Amino acid sequence: MPDKERMTFIYLSGAGTSPDGKQFWQQVKSRTEAEIQTKGFNRAFALRPAIMKWAKGQKHIQTMQYFFLPFFPLFRLLGQGNNMREIALSQLVLARDGYQKFAITPKDITLLAKTF
């Protein structure tokens, strides 16, 4: 197993992560992101997707996701929607090439997936 100084760590966080967020999960994810940055990895990234559309053939889809489906094109237009394929491709690009930012937004995810 390679030394962590040569490894890339990718944490799937979430949009809205903030140390002073009103919801507890925002604060916890923010502390987790901060802790990851101190662990000595060569590269570390926090993916912060917002609305995710499931992949074709995916099972166990949460009921609330069906509610968002008609609005997904609008979320895409606003730069807040990604599909699972983009999430996966962006992670591969991050591991291969890295990126200039630690916190990867939905727009960054789309951009990274296109460079695969």
PDB file of N, CA and C in Angstrom:
ATOM      1  N   MET A   1       0.846  -1.176   0.000  1.00  0.00           N
ATOM      2  CA  MET A   1       0.000   0.000   0.000  1.00  0.00           C
ATOM      3  C   MET A   1       0.895   1.244   0.000  1.00  0.00           C
ATOM      4  N   PRO A   2       0.581   2.213  -0.856  1.00  0.00           N
ATOM      5  CA  PRO A   2       1.452   3.392  -0.929  1.00  0.00           C
ATOM      6  C   PRO A   2       1.371   4.257   0.323  1.00  0.00           C
ATOM      7  N   ASP A   3       2.423   5.021   0.550  1.00  0.00           N
ATOM      8  CA  ASP A   3       2.424   5.959   1.670  1.00  0.00           C
ATOM      9  C   ASP A   3       1.375   7.026   1.436  1.00  0.00           C
ATOM     10  N   LYS A   4       0.771   7.529   2.516  1.00  0.00           N
ATOM     11  CA  LYS A   4      -0.283   8.531   2.350  1.00  0.00           C
ATOM     12  C   LYS A   4       0.248   9.821   1.751  1.00  0.00           C
ATOM     13  N   GLU A   5       1.562  10.054   1.818  1.00  0.00           N
ATOM     14  CA  GLU A   5       2.143  11.247   1.216  1.00  0.00           C
ATOM     15  C   GLU A   5       2.051  11.210  -0.305  1.00  0.00           C
ATOM     16  N   ARG A   6       1.783  10.032  -0.857  1.00  0.00           N
ATOM     17  CA  ARG A   6       1.624   9.894  -2.309  1.00  0.00           C
ATOM     18  C   ARG A   6       0.175   9.637  -2.698  1.00  0.00           C
ATOM     19  N   MET A   7      -0.718   9.565  -1.725  1.00  0.00           N
ATOM     20  CA  MET A   7      -2.111   9.219  -1.985  1.00  0.00           C
ATOM     21  C   MET A   7      -2.986  10.455  -2.179  1.00  0.00           C
ATOM     22  N   THR A   8      -4.102  10.232  -2.892  1.00  0.00           N
ATOM     23  CA  THR A   8      -5.139  11.251  -3.042  1.00  0.00           C
ATOM     24  C   THR A   8      -6.345  10.794  -2.244  1.00  0.00           C
ATOM     25  N   PHE A   9      -6.875  11.675  -1.408  1.00  0.00           N
ATOM     26  CA  PHE A   9      -8.044  11.372  -0.591  1.00  0.00           C
ATOM     27  C   PHE A   9      -9.210  12.213  -1.096  1.00  0.00           C
ATOM     28  N   ILE A  10     -10.313  11.545  -1.443  1.00  0.00           N
ATOM     29  CA  ILE A  10     -11.499  12.241  -1.931  1.00  0.00           C
ATOM     30  C   ILE A  10     -12.640  11.958  -0.970  1.00  0.00           C
ATOM     31  N   TYR A  11     -13.176  13.026  -0.385  1.00  0.00           N
ATOM     32  CA  TYR A  11     -14.267  12.932   0.584  1.00  0.00           C
ATOM     33  C   TYR A  11     -15.542  13.439  -0.073  1.00  0.00           C
ATOM     34  N   LEU A  12     -16.578  12.621  -0.081  1.00  0.00           N
ATOM     35  CA  LEU A  12     -17.863  13.028  -0.634  1.00  0.00           C
ATOM     36  C   LEU A  12     -18.627  13.748   0.459  1.00  0.00           C
ATOM     37  N   SER A  13     -18.606  15.051   0.401  1.00  0.00           N
ATOM     38  CA  SER A  13     -19.207  15.892   1.420  1.00  0.00           C
ATOM     39  C   SER A  13     -20.613  16.286   0.979  1.00  0.00           C
ATOM     40  N   GLY A  14     -20.867  17.545   0.777  1.00  0.00           N
ATOM     41  CA  GLY A  14     -22.174  17.991   0.321  1.00  0.00           C
ATOM     42  C   GLY A  14     -22.239  19.502   0.229  1.00  0.00           C
ATOM     43  N   ALA A  15     -23.075  19.991  -0.677  1.00  0.00           N
ATOM     44  CA  ALA A  15     -23.267  21.435  -0.814  1.00  0.00           C
ATOM     45  C   ALA A  15     -23.846  21.983   0.484  1.00  0.00           C
ATOM     46  N   GLY A  16     -23.425  23.166   0.845  1.00  0.00           N
ATOM     47  CA  GLY A  16     -23.925  23.775   2.074  1.00  0.00           C
ATOM     48  C   GLY A  16     -23.063  23.515   3.289  1.00  0.00           C
ATOM     49  N   THR A  17     -21.973  22.780   3.113  1.00  0.00           N
ATOM     50  CA  THR A  17     -21.073  22.494   4.227  1.00  0.00           C
ATOM     51  C   THR A  17     -20.444  23.798   4.711  1.00  0.00           C
ATOM     52  N   SER A  18     -20.551  24.040   6.012  1.00  0.00           N
ATOM     53  CA  SER A  18     -20.053  25.297   6.569  1.00  0.00           C
ATOM     54  C   SER A  18     -19.819  25.142   8.072  1.00  0.00           C
ATOM     55  N   PRO A  19     -18.719  25.722   8.579  1.00  0.00           N
ATOM     56  CA  PRO A  19     -18.472  25.605  10.023  1.00  0.00           C
ATOM     57  C   PRO A  19     -19.505  26.342  10.867  1.00  0.00           C
ATOM     58  N   ASP A  20     -20.151  27.346  10.299  1.00  0.00           N
ATOM     59  CA  ASP A  20     -21.172  28.084  11.047  1.00  0.00           C
ATOM     60  C   ASP A  20     -22.569  27.841  10.489  1.00  0.00           C
ATOM     61  N   GLY A  21     -22.758  26.672   9.876  1.00  0.00           N
ATOM     62  CA  GLY A  21     -24.061  26.312   9.335  1.00  0.00           C
ATOM     63  C   GLY A  21     -25.114  26.147  10.422  1.00  0.00           C
ATOM     64  N   LYS A  22     -26.354  26.343  10.050  1.00  0.00           N
ATOM     65  CA  LYS A  22     -27.453  26.241  11.012  1.00  0.00           C
ATOM     66  C   LYS A  22     -27.782  24.791  11.365  1.00  0.00           C
ATOM     67  N   GLN A  23     -27.481  23.893  10.433  1.00  0.00           N
ATOM     68  CA  GLN A  23     -27.780  22.487  10.687  1.00  0.00           C
ATOM     69  C   GLN A  23     -26.513  21.769  11.145  1.00  0.00           C
ATOM     70  N   PHE A  24     -26.696  20.814  12.038  1.00  0.00           N
ATOM     71  CA  PHE A  24     -25.570  20.106  12.639  1.00  0.00           C
ATOM     72  C   PHE A  24     -24.727  19.379  11.598  1.00  0.00           C
ATOM     73  N   TRP A  25     -25.366  18.778  10.576  1.00  0.00           N
ATOM     74  CA  TRP A  25     -24.600  18.032   9.572  1.00  0.00           C
ATOM     75  C   TRP A  25     -23.640  18.953   8.823  1.00  0.00           C
ATOM     76  N   GLN A  26     -24.005  20.230   8.633  1.00  0.00           N
ATOM     77  CA  GLN A  26     -23.114  21.170   7.950  1.00  0.00           C
ATOM     78  C   GLN A  26     -21.836  21.385   8.763  1.00  0.00           C
ATOM     79  N   GLN A  27     -21.985  21.493  10.046  1.00  0.00           N
ATOM     80  CA  GLN A  27     -20.845  21.714  10.925  1.00  0.00           C
ATOM     81  C   GLN A  27     -19.961  20.470  11.006  1.00  0.00           C
ATOM     82  N   VAL A  28     -20.586  19.298  11.104  1.00  0.00           N
ATOM     83  CA  VAL A  28     -19.829  18.042  11.196  1.00  0.00           C
ATOM     84  C   VAL A  28     -19.022  17.818   9.925  1.00  0.00           C
ATOM     85  N   LYS A  29     -19.647  18.006   8.773  1.00  0.00           N
ATOM     86  CA  LYS A  29     -18.928  17.810   7.510  1.00  0.00           C
ATOM     87  C   LYS A  29     -17.804  18.826   7.364  1.00  0.00           C
ATOM     88  N   SER A  30     -18.014  20.041   7.826  1.00  0.00           N
ATOM     89  CA  SER A  30     -16.977  21.058   7.770  1.00  0.00           C
ATOM     90  C   SER A  30     -15.780  20.668   8.635  1.00  0.00           C
ATOM     91  N   ARG A  31     -16.048  20.179   9.843  1.00  0.00           N
ATOM     92  CA  ARG A  31     -14.955  19.732  10.725  1.00  0.00           C
ATOM     93  C   ARG A  31     -14.225  18.535  10.121  1.00  0.00           C
ATOM     94  N   THR A  32     -14.976  17.644   9.494  1.00  0.00           N
ATOM     95  CA  THR A  32     -14.360  16.481   8.853  1.00  0.00           C
ATOM     96  C   THR A  32     -13.450  16.921   7.719  1.00  0.00           C
ATOM     97  N   GLU A  33     -13.927  17.870   6.889  1.00  0.00           N
ATOM     98  CA  GLU A  33     -13.100  18.384   5.798  1.00  0.00           C
ATOM     99  C   GLU A  33     -11.813  19.018   6.330  1.00  0.00           C
ATOM    100  N   ALA A  34     -11.931  19.804   7.382  1.00  0.00           N
ATOM    101  CA  ALA A  34     -10.756  20.453   7.972  1.00  0.00           C
ATOM    102  C   ALA A  34      -9.771  19.414   8.502  1.00  0.00           C
ATOM    103  N   GLU A  35     -10.285  18.372   9.111  1.00  0.00           N
ATOM    104  CA  GLU A  35      -9.428  17.313   9.656  1.00  0.00           C
ATOM    105  C   GLU A  35      -8.698  16.561   8.538  1.00  0.00           C
ATOM    106  N   ILE A  36      -9.387  16.307   7.454  1.00  0.00           N
ATOM    107  CA  ILE A  36      -8.775  15.593   6.324  1.00  0.00           C
ATOM    108  C   ILE A  36      -7.587  16.385   5.774  1.00  0.00           C
ATOM    109  N   GLN A  37      -7.729  17.693   5.717  1.00  0.00           N
ATOM    110  CA  GLN A  37      -6.661  18.531   5.177  1.00  0.00           C
ATOM    111  C   GLN A  37      -5.394  18.493   6.030  1.00  0.00           C
ATOM    112  N   THR A  38      -5.502  18.093   7.278  1.00  0.00           N
ATOM    113  CA  THR A  38      -4.333  18.070   8.166  1.00  0.00           C
ATOM    114  C   THR A  38      -3.664  16.702   8.239  1.00  0.00           C
ATOM    115  N   LYS A  39      -4.160  15.715   7.522  1.00  0.00           N
ATOM    116  CA  LYS A  39      -3.666  14.344   7.679  1.00  0.00           C
ATOM    117  C   LYS A  39      -2.459  13.987   6.822  1.00  0.00           C
ATOM    118  N   GLY A  40      -1.957  14.921   6.026  1.00  0.00           N
ATOM    119  CA  GLY A  40      -0.713  14.670   5.307  1.00  0.00           C
ATOM    120  C   GLY A  40      -0.842  13.945   3.983  1.00  0.00           C
ATOM    121  N   PHE A  41      -2.012  13.947   3.387  1.00  0.00           N
ATOM    122  CA  PHE A  41      -2.154  13.338   2.065  1.00  0.00           C
ATOM    123  C   PHE A  41      -1.528  14.248   1.020  1.00  0.00           C
ATOM    124  N   ASN A  42      -1.024  13.641  -0.053  1.00  0.00           N
ATOM    125  CA  ASN A  42      -0.460  14.413  -1.147  1.00  0.00           C
ATOM    126  C   ASN A  42      -1.502  15.380  -1.694  1.00  0.00           C
ATOM    127  N   ARG A  43      -2.685  14.859  -1.945  1.00  0.00           N
ATOM    128  CA  ARG A  43      -3.799  15.688  -2.421  1.00  0.00           C
ATOM    129  C   ARG A  43      -5.058  15.232  -1.710  1.00  0.00           C
ATOM    130  N   ALA A  44      -5.884  16.187  -1.310  1.00  0.00           N
ATOM    131  CA  ALA A  44      -7.155  15.869  -0.665  1.00  0.00           C
ATOM    132  C   ALA A  44      -8.220  16.799  -1.241  1.00  0.00           C
ATOM    133  N   PHE A  45      -9.402  16.242  -1.467  1.00  0.00           N
ATOM    134  CA  PHE A  45     -10.492  16.999  -2.060  1.00  0.00           C
ATOM    135  C   PHE A  45     -11.796  16.669  -1.355  1.00  0.00           C
ATOM    136  N   ALA A  46     -12.682  17.660  -1.314  1.00  0.00           N
ATOM    137  CA  ALA A  46     -14.026  17.458  -0.784  1.00  0.00           C
ATOM    138  C   ALA A  46     -15.019  17.728  -1.904  1.00  0.00           C
ATOM    139  N   LEU A  47     -15.669  16.693  -2.381  1.00  0.00           N
ATOM    140  CA  LEU A  47     -16.712  16.865  -3.387  1.00  0.00           C
ATOM    141  C   LEU A  47     -17.969  17.354  -2.688  1.00  0.00           C
ATOM    142  N   ARG A  48     -18.553  18.424  -3.196  1.00  0.00           N
ATOM    143  CA  ARG A  48     -19.748  19.005  -2.590  1.00  0.00           C
ATOM    144  C   ARG A  48     -20.899  19.052  -3.593  1.00  0.00           C
ATOM    145  N   PRO A  49     -21.400  17.888  -3.991  1.00  0.00           N
ATOM    146  CA  PRO A  49     -22.529  17.897  -4.924  1.00  0.00           C
ATOM    147  C   PRO A  49     -23.793  18.412  -4.249  1.00  0.00           C
ATOM    148  N   ALA A  50     -24.715  18.911  -5.051  1.00  0.00           N
ATOM    149  CA  ALA A  50     -25.989  19.406  -4.519  1.00  0.00           C
ATOM    150  C   ALA A  50     -27.085  18.400  -4.860  1.00  0.00           C
ATOM    151  N   ILE A  51     -27.667  18.522  -6.023  1.00  0.00           N
ATOM    152  CA  ILE A  51     -28.722  17.606  -6.467  1.00  0.00           C
ATOM    153  C   ILE A  51     -28.088  16.562  -7.375  1.00  0.00           C
ATOM    154  N   MET A  52     -28.267  15.292  -7.050  1.00  0.00           N
ATOM    155  CA  MET A  52     -27.687  14.221  -7.855  1.00  0.00           C
ATOM    156  C   MET A  52     -28.798  13.396  -8.492  1.00  0.00           C
ATOM    157  N   LYS A  53     -28.651  13.171  -9.785  1.00  0.00           N
ATOM    158  CA  LYS A  53     -29.597  12.314 -10.504  1.00  0.00           C
ATOM    159  C   LYS A  53     -29.000  10.906 -10.550  1.00  0.00           C
ATOM    160  N   TRP A  54     -29.840   9.934 -10.275  1.00  0.00           N
ATOM    161  CA  TRP A  54     -29.363   8.560 -10.197  1.00  0.00           C
ATOM    162  C   TRP A  54     -28.924   8.053 -11.563  1.00  0.00           C
ATOM    163  N   ALA A  55     -28.147   6.987 -11.549  1.00  0.00           N
ATOM    164  CA  ALA A  55     -27.642   6.364 -12.764  1.00  0.00           C
ATOM    165  C   ALA A  55     -28.662   5.381 -13.315  1.00  0.00           C
ATOM    166  N   LYS A  56     -28.625   5.195 -14.608  1.00  0.00           N
ATOM    167  CA  LYS A  56     -29.519   4.240 -15.251  1.00  0.00           C
ATOM    168  C   LYS A  56     -29.262   2.847 -14.684  1.00  0.00           C
ATOM    169  N   GLY A  57     -30.317   2.175 -14.281  1.00  0.00           N
ATOM    170  CA  GLY A  57     -30.198   0.843 -13.712  1.00  0.00           C
ATOM    171  C   GLY A  57     -29.938   0.821 -12.211  1.00  0.00           C
ATOM    172  N   GLN A  58     -29.781   1.976 -11.609  1.00  0.00           N
ATOM    173  CA  GLN A  58     -29.527   2.044 -10.169  1.00  0.00           C
ATOM    174  C   GLN A  58     -30.760   1.588  -9.395  1.00  0.00           C
ATOM    175  N   LYS A  59     -30.527   0.864  -8.336  1.00  0.00           N
ATOM    176  CA  LYS A  59     -31.607   0.396  -7.473  1.00  0.00           C
ATOM    177  C   LYS A  59     -31.579   1.171  -6.172  1.00  0.00           C
ATOM    178  N   HIS A  60     -32.616   1.021  -5.385  1.00  0.00           N
ATOM    179  CA  HIS A  60     -32.714   1.655  -4.066  1.00  0.00           C
ATOM    180  C   HIS A  60     -32.642   3.179  -4.162  1.00  0.00           C
ATOM    181  N   ILE A  61     -33.518   3.750  -4.951  1.00  0.00           N
ATOM    182  CA  ILE A  61     -33.593   5.197  -5.109  1.00  0.00           C
ATOM    183  C   ILE A  61     -34.562   5.746  -4.073  1.00  0.00           C
ATOM    184  N   GLN A  62     -34.156   6.772  -3.349  1.00  0.00           N
ATOM    185  CA  GLN A  62     -35.017   7.359  -2.333  1.00  0.00           C
ATOM    186  C   GLN A  62     -36.222   8.024  -2.980  1.00  0.00           C
ATOM    187  N   THR A  63     -37.360   7.921  -2.335  1.00  0.00           N
ATOM    188  CA  THR A  63     -38.612   8.455  -2.868  1.00  0.00           C
ATOM    189  C   THR A  63     -38.518   9.942  -3.145  1.00  0.00           C
ATOM    190  N   MET A  64     -37.844  10.692  -2.298  1.00  0.00           N
ATOM    191  CA  MET A  64     -37.771  12.141  -2.490  1.00  0.00           C
ATOM    192  C   MET A  64     -37.047  12.509  -3.778  1.00  0.00           C
ATOM    193  N   GLN A  65     -36.180  11.629  -4.280  1.00  0.00           N
ATOM    194  CA  GLN A  65     -35.478  11.937  -5.519  1.00  0.00           C
ATOM    195  C   GLN A  65     -36.437  11.996  -6.705  1.00  0.00           C
ATOM    196  N   TYR A  66     -37.517  11.238  -6.650  1.00  0.00           N
ATOM    197  CA  TYR A  66     -38.501  11.298  -7.722  1.00  0.00           C
ATOM    198  C   TYR A  66     -39.159  12.671  -7.778  1.00  0.00           C
ATOM    199  N   PHE A  67     -39.267  13.341  -6.639  1.00  0.00           N
ATOM    200  CA  PHE A  67     -39.845  14.668  -6.593  1.00  0.00           C
ATOM    201  C   PHE A  67     -38.967  15.677  -7.337  1.00  0.00           C
ATOM    202  N   PHE A  68     -37.645  15.525  -7.222  1.00  0.00           N
ATOM    203  CA  PHE A  68     -36.719  16.457  -7.843  1.00  0.00           C
ATOM    204  C   PHE A  68     -36.533  16.225  -9.338  1.00  0.00           C
ATOM    205  N   LEU A  69     -36.890  15.070  -9.842  1.00  0.00           N
ATOM    206  CA  LEU A  69     -36.639  14.730 -11.241  1.00  0.00           C
ATOM    207  C   LEU A  69     -37.181  15.767 -12.226  1.00  0.00           C
ATOM    208  N   PRO A  70     -38.424  16.245 -12.111  1.00  0.00           N
ATOM    209  CA  PRO A  70     -38.903  17.244 -13.074  1.00  0.00           C
ATOM    210  C   PRO A  70     -38.122  18.565 -13.018  1.00  0.00           C
ATOM    211  N   PHE A  71     -37.511  18.854 -11.873  1.00  0.00           N
ATOM    212  CA  PHE A  71     -36.779  20.100 -11.703  1.00  0.00           C
ATOM    213  C   PHE A  71     -35.292  19.975 -12.023  1.00  0.00           C
ATOM    214  N   PHE A  72     -34.841  18.756 -12.331  1.00  0.00           N
ATOM    215  CA  PHE A  72     -33.414  18.532 -12.553  1.00  0.00           C
ATOM    216  C   PHE A  72     -32.845  19.415 -13.670  1.00  0.00           C
ATOM    217  N   PRO A  73     -33.538  19.573 -14.815  1.00  0.00           N
ATOM    218  CA  PRO A  73     -32.982  20.466 -15.852  1.00  0.00           C
ATOM    219  C   PRO A  73     -32.764  21.897 -15.348  1.00  0.00           C
ATOM    220  N   LEU A  74     -33.635  22.379 -14.486  1.00  0.00           N
ATOM    221  CA  LEU A  74     -33.464  23.714 -13.922  1.00  0.00           C
ATOM    222  C   LEU A  74     -32.242  23.755 -12.998  1.00  0.00           C
ATOM    223  N   PHE A  75     -32.085  22.721 -12.163  1.00  0.00           N
ATOM    224  CA  PHE A  75     -30.910  22.650 -11.297  1.00  0.00           C
ATOM    225  C   PHE A  75     -29.630  22.604 -12.129  1.00  0.00           C
ATOM    226  N   ARG A  76     -29.665  21.875 -13.246  1.00  0.00           N
ATOM    227  CA  ARG A  76     -28.510  21.788 -14.148  1.00  0.00           C
ATOM    228  C   ARG A  76     -28.170  23.171 -14.696  1.00  0.00           C
ATOM    229  N   LEU A  77     -29.214  23.871 -15.127  1.00  0.00           N
ATOM    230  CA  LEU A  77     -29.041  25.205 -15.697  1.00  0.00           C
ATOM    231  C   LEU A  77     -28.424  26.163 -14.677  1.00  0.00           C
ATOM    232  N   LEU A  78     -28.809  26.015 -13.431  1.00  0.00           N
ATOM    233  CA  LEU A  78     -28.274  26.852 -12.353  1.00  0.00           C
ATOM    234  C   LEU A  78     -26.908  26.374 -11.844  1.00  0.00           C
ATOM    235  N   GLY A  79     -26.422  25.263 -12.400  1.00  0.00           N
ATOM    236  CA  GLY A  79     -25.118  24.733 -12.002  1.00  0.00           C
ATOM    237  C   GLY A  79     -25.129  23.999 -10.678  1.00  0.00           C
ATOM    238  N   GLN A  80     -26.289  23.460 -10.278  1.00  0.00           N
ATOM    239  CA  GLN A  80     -26.396  22.771  -8.994  1.00  0.00           C
ATOM    240  C   GLN A  80     -26.775  21.298  -9.133  1.00  0.00           C
ATOM    241  N   GLY A  81     -26.753  20.757 -10.343  1.00  0.00           N
ATOM    242  CA  GLY A  81     -27.147  19.367 -10.545  1.00  0.00           C
ATOM    243  C   GLY A  81     -26.075  18.573 -11.253  1.00  0.00           C
ATOM    244  N   ASN A  82     -25.880  17.355 -10.796  1.00  0.00           N
ATOM    245  CA  ASN A  82     -24.951  16.420 -11.428  1.00  0.00           C
ATOM    246  C   ASN A  82     -25.597  15.054 -11.475  1.00  0.00           C
ATOM    247  N   ASN A  83     -25.182  14.244 -12.457  1.00  0.00           N
ATOM    248  CA  ASN A  83     -25.620  12.858 -12.444  1.00  0.00           C
ATOM    249  C   ASN A  83     -24.502  12.006 -11.860  1.00  0.00           C
ATOM    250  N   MET A  84     -24.833  10.786 -11.529  1.00  0.00           N
ATOM    251  CA  MET A  84     -23.866   9.909 -10.857  1.00  0.00           C
ATOM    252  C   MET A  84     -22.648   9.624 -11.727  1.00  0.00           C
ATOM    253  N   ARG A  85     -22.834   9.589 -13.027  1.00  0.00           N
ATOM    254  CA  ARG A  85     -21.709   9.367 -13.936  1.00  0.00           C
ATOM    255  C   ARG A  85     -20.689  10.510 -13.807  1.00  0.00           C
ATOM    256  N   GLU A  86     -21.179  11.734 -13.743  1.00  0.00           N
ATOM    257  CA  GLU A  86     -20.279  12.877 -13.584  1.00  0.00           C
ATOM    258  C   GLU A  86     -19.532  12.825 -12.259  1.00  0.00           C
ATOM    259  N   ILE A  87     -20.224  12.409 -11.220  1.00  0.00           N
ATOM    260  CA  ILE A  87     -19.571  12.289  -9.908  1.00  0.00           C
ATOM    261  C   ILE A  87     -18.416  11.286 -10.002  1.00  0.00           C
ATOM    262  N   ALA A  88     -18.692  10.146 -10.606  1.00  0.00           N
ATOM    263  CA  ALA A  88     -17.667   9.100 -10.718  1.00  0.00           C
ATOM    264  C   ALA A  88     -16.499   9.553 -11.593  1.00  0.00           C
ATOM    265  N   LEU A  89     -16.798  10.141 -12.753  1.00  0.00           N
ATOM    266  CA  LEU A  89     -15.729  10.587 -13.644  1.00  0.00           C
ATOM    267  C   LEU A  89     -14.888  11.690 -13.013  1.00  0.00           C
ATOM    268  N   SER A  90     -15.536  12.583 -12.287  1.00  0.00           N
ATOM    269  CA  SER A  90     -14.773  13.664 -11.649  1.00  0.00           C
ATOM    270  C   SER A  90     -13.820  13.105 -10.589  1.00  0.00           C
ATOM    271  N   GLN A  91     -14.241  12.071  -9.890  1.00  0.00           N
ATOM    272  CA  GLN A  91     -13.357  11.458  -8.894  1.00  0.00           C
ATOM    273  C   GLN A  91     -12.144  10.820  -9.567  1.00  0.00           C
ATOM    274  N   LEU A  92     -12.362  10.192 -10.702  1.00  0.00           N
ATOM    275  CA  LEU A  92     -11.240   9.595 -11.433  1.00  0.00           C
ATOM    276  C   LEU A  92     -10.257  10.661 -11.907  1.00  0.00           C
ATOM    277  N   VAL A  93     -10.787  11.779 -12.405  1.00  0.00           N
ATOM    278  CA  VAL A  93      -9.921  12.871 -12.859  1.00  0.00           C
ATOM    279  C   VAL A  93      -9.160  13.476 -11.682  1.00  0.00           C
ATOM    280  N   LEU A  94      -9.827  13.650 -10.544  1.00  0.00           N
ATOM    281  CA  LEU A  94      -9.143  14.180  -9.360  1.00  0.00           C
ATOM    282  C   LEU A  94      -7.994  13.270  -8.938  1.00  0.00           C
ATOM    283  N   ALA A  95      -8.233  11.976  -8.953  1.00  0.00           N
ATOM    284  CA  ALA A  95      -7.192  11.025  -8.553  1.00  0.00           C
ATOM    285  C   ALA A  95      -6.032  11.031  -9.546  1.00  0.00           C
ATOM    286  N   ARG A  96      -6.360  11.197 -10.813  1.00  0.00           N
ATOM    287  CA  ARG A  96      -5.334  11.162 -11.858  1.00  0.00           C
ATOM    288  C   ARG A  96      -4.569  12.487 -11.973  1.00  0.00           C
ATOM    289  N   ASP A  97      -5.315  13.605 -12.021  1.00  0.00           N
ATOM    290  CA  ASP A  97      -4.711  14.895 -12.359  1.00  0.00           C
ATOM    291  C   ASP A  97      -4.685  15.908 -11.217  1.00  0.00           C
ATOM    292  N   GLY A  98      -5.553  15.732 -10.218  1.00  0.00           N
ATOM    293  CA  GLY A  98      -5.664  16.731  -9.166  1.00  0.00           C
ATOM    294  C   GLY A  98      -6.506  17.905  -9.620  1.00  0.00           C
ATOM    295  N   TYR A  99      -6.547  18.938  -8.801  1.00  0.00           N
ATOM    296  CA  TYR A  99      -7.318  20.147  -9.104  1.00  0.00           C
ATOM    297  C   TYR A  99      -6.789  21.268  -8.237  1.00  0.00           C
ATOM    298  N   GLN A 100      -7.051  22.498  -8.631  1.00  0.00           N
ATOM    299  CA  GLN A 100      -6.472  23.632  -7.907  1.00  0.00           C
ATOM    300  C   GLN A 100      -7.219  23.990  -6.634  1.00  0.00           C
ATOM    301  N   LYS A 101      -8.421  23.440  -6.425  1.00  0.00           N
ATOM    302  CA  LYS A 101      -9.203  23.761  -5.226  1.00  0.00           C
ATOM    303  C   LYS A 101      -9.440  22.514  -4.381  1.00  0.00           C
ATOM    304  N   PHE A 102      -9.638  22.720  -3.079  1.00  0.00           N
ATOM    305  CA  PHE A 102      -9.970  21.613  -2.186  1.00  0.00           C
ATOM    306  C   PHE A 102     -11.459  21.282  -2.263  1.00  0.00           C
ATOM    307  N   ALA A 103     -12.306  22.301  -2.162  1.00  0.00           N
ATOM    308  CA  ALA A 103     -13.760  22.104  -2.184  1.00  0.00           C
ATOM    309  C   ALA A 103     -14.252  22.121  -3.628  1.00  0.00           C
ATOM    310  N   ILE A 104     -14.769  20.990  -4.081  1.00  0.00           N
ATOM    311  CA  ILE A 104     -15.198  20.824  -5.465  1.00  0.00           C
ATOM    312  C   ILE A 104     -16.714  21.024  -5.538  1.00  0.00           C
ATOM    313  N   THR A 105     -17.149  22.084  -6.205  1.00  0.00           N
ATOM    314  CA  THR A 105     -18.566  22.439  -6.316  1.00  0.00           C
ATOM    315  C   THR A 105     -19.232  21.662  -7.451  1.00  0.00           C
ATOM    316  N   PRO A 106     -20.567  21.704  -7.558  1.00  0.00           N
ATOM    317  CA  PRO A 106     -21.241  21.022  -8.670  1.00  0.00           C
ATOM    318  C   PRO A 106     -20.745  21.475 -10.047  1.00  0.00           C
ATOM    319  N   LYS A 107     -20.460  22.763 -10.205  1.00  0.00           N
ATOM    320  CA  LYS A 107     -19.934  23.249 -11.491  1.00  0.00           C
ATOM    321  C   LYS A 107     -18.556  22.654 -11.767  1.00  0.00           C
ATOM    322  N   ASP A 108     -17.727  22.553 -10.735  1.00  0.00           N
ATOM    323  CA  ASP A 108     -16.407  21.935 -10.891  1.00  0.00           C
ATOM    324  C   ASP A 108     -16.533  20.461 -11.251  1.00  0.00           C
ATOM    325  N   ILE A 109     -17.499  19.781 -10.642  1.00  0.00           N
ATOM    326  CA  ILE A 109     -17.724  18.360 -10.929  1.00  0.00           C
ATOM    327  C   ILE A 109     -18.042  18.165 -12.406  1.00  0.00           C
ATOM    328  N   THR A 110     -18.920  19.014 -12.947  1.00  0.00           N
ATOM    329  CA  THR A 110     -19.274  18.937 -14.367  1.00  0.00           C
ATOM    330  C   THR A 110     -18.048  19.179 -15.240  1.00  0.00           C
ATOM    331  N   LEU A 111     -17.277  20.192 -14.901  1.00  0.00           N
ATOM    332  CA  LEU A 111     -16.074  20.515 -15.659  1.00  0.00           C
ATOM    333  C   LEU A 111     -15.055  19.372 -15.626  1.00  0.00           C
ATOM    334  N   LEU A 112     -14.818  18.811 -14.461  1.00  0.00           N
ATOM    335  CA  LEU A 112     -13.877  17.696 -14.327  1.00  0.00           C
ATOM    336  C   LEU A 112     -14.340  16.469 -15.119  1.00  0.00           C
ATOM    337  N   ALA A 113     -15.625  16.180 -15.073  1.00  0.00           N
ATOM    338  CA  ALA A 113     -16.148  15.008 -15.789  1.00  0.00           C
ATOM    339  C   ALA A 113     -15.951  15.155 -17.290  1.00  0.00           C
ATOM    340  N   LYS A 114     -16.062  16.377 -17.795  1.00  0.00           N
ATOM    341  CA  LYS A 114     -15.861  16.610 -19.233  1.00  0.00           C
ATOM    342  C   LYS A 114     -14.418  16.426 -19.655  1.00  0.00           C
ATOM    343  N   THR A 115     -13.473  16.523 -18.717  1.00  0.00           N
ATOM    344  CA  THR A 115     -12.054  16.380 -19.058  1.00  0.00           C
ATOM    345  C   THR A 115     -11.592  14.920 -19.000  1.00  0.00           C
ATOM    346  N   PHE A 116     -12.467  14.016 -18.644  1.00  0.00           N
ATOM    347  CA  PHE A 116     -12.065  12.607 -18.543  1.00  0.00           C
ATOM    348  C   PHE A 116     -11.756  12.047 -19.907  1.00  0.00           C
TER     349      PHE A 116
END
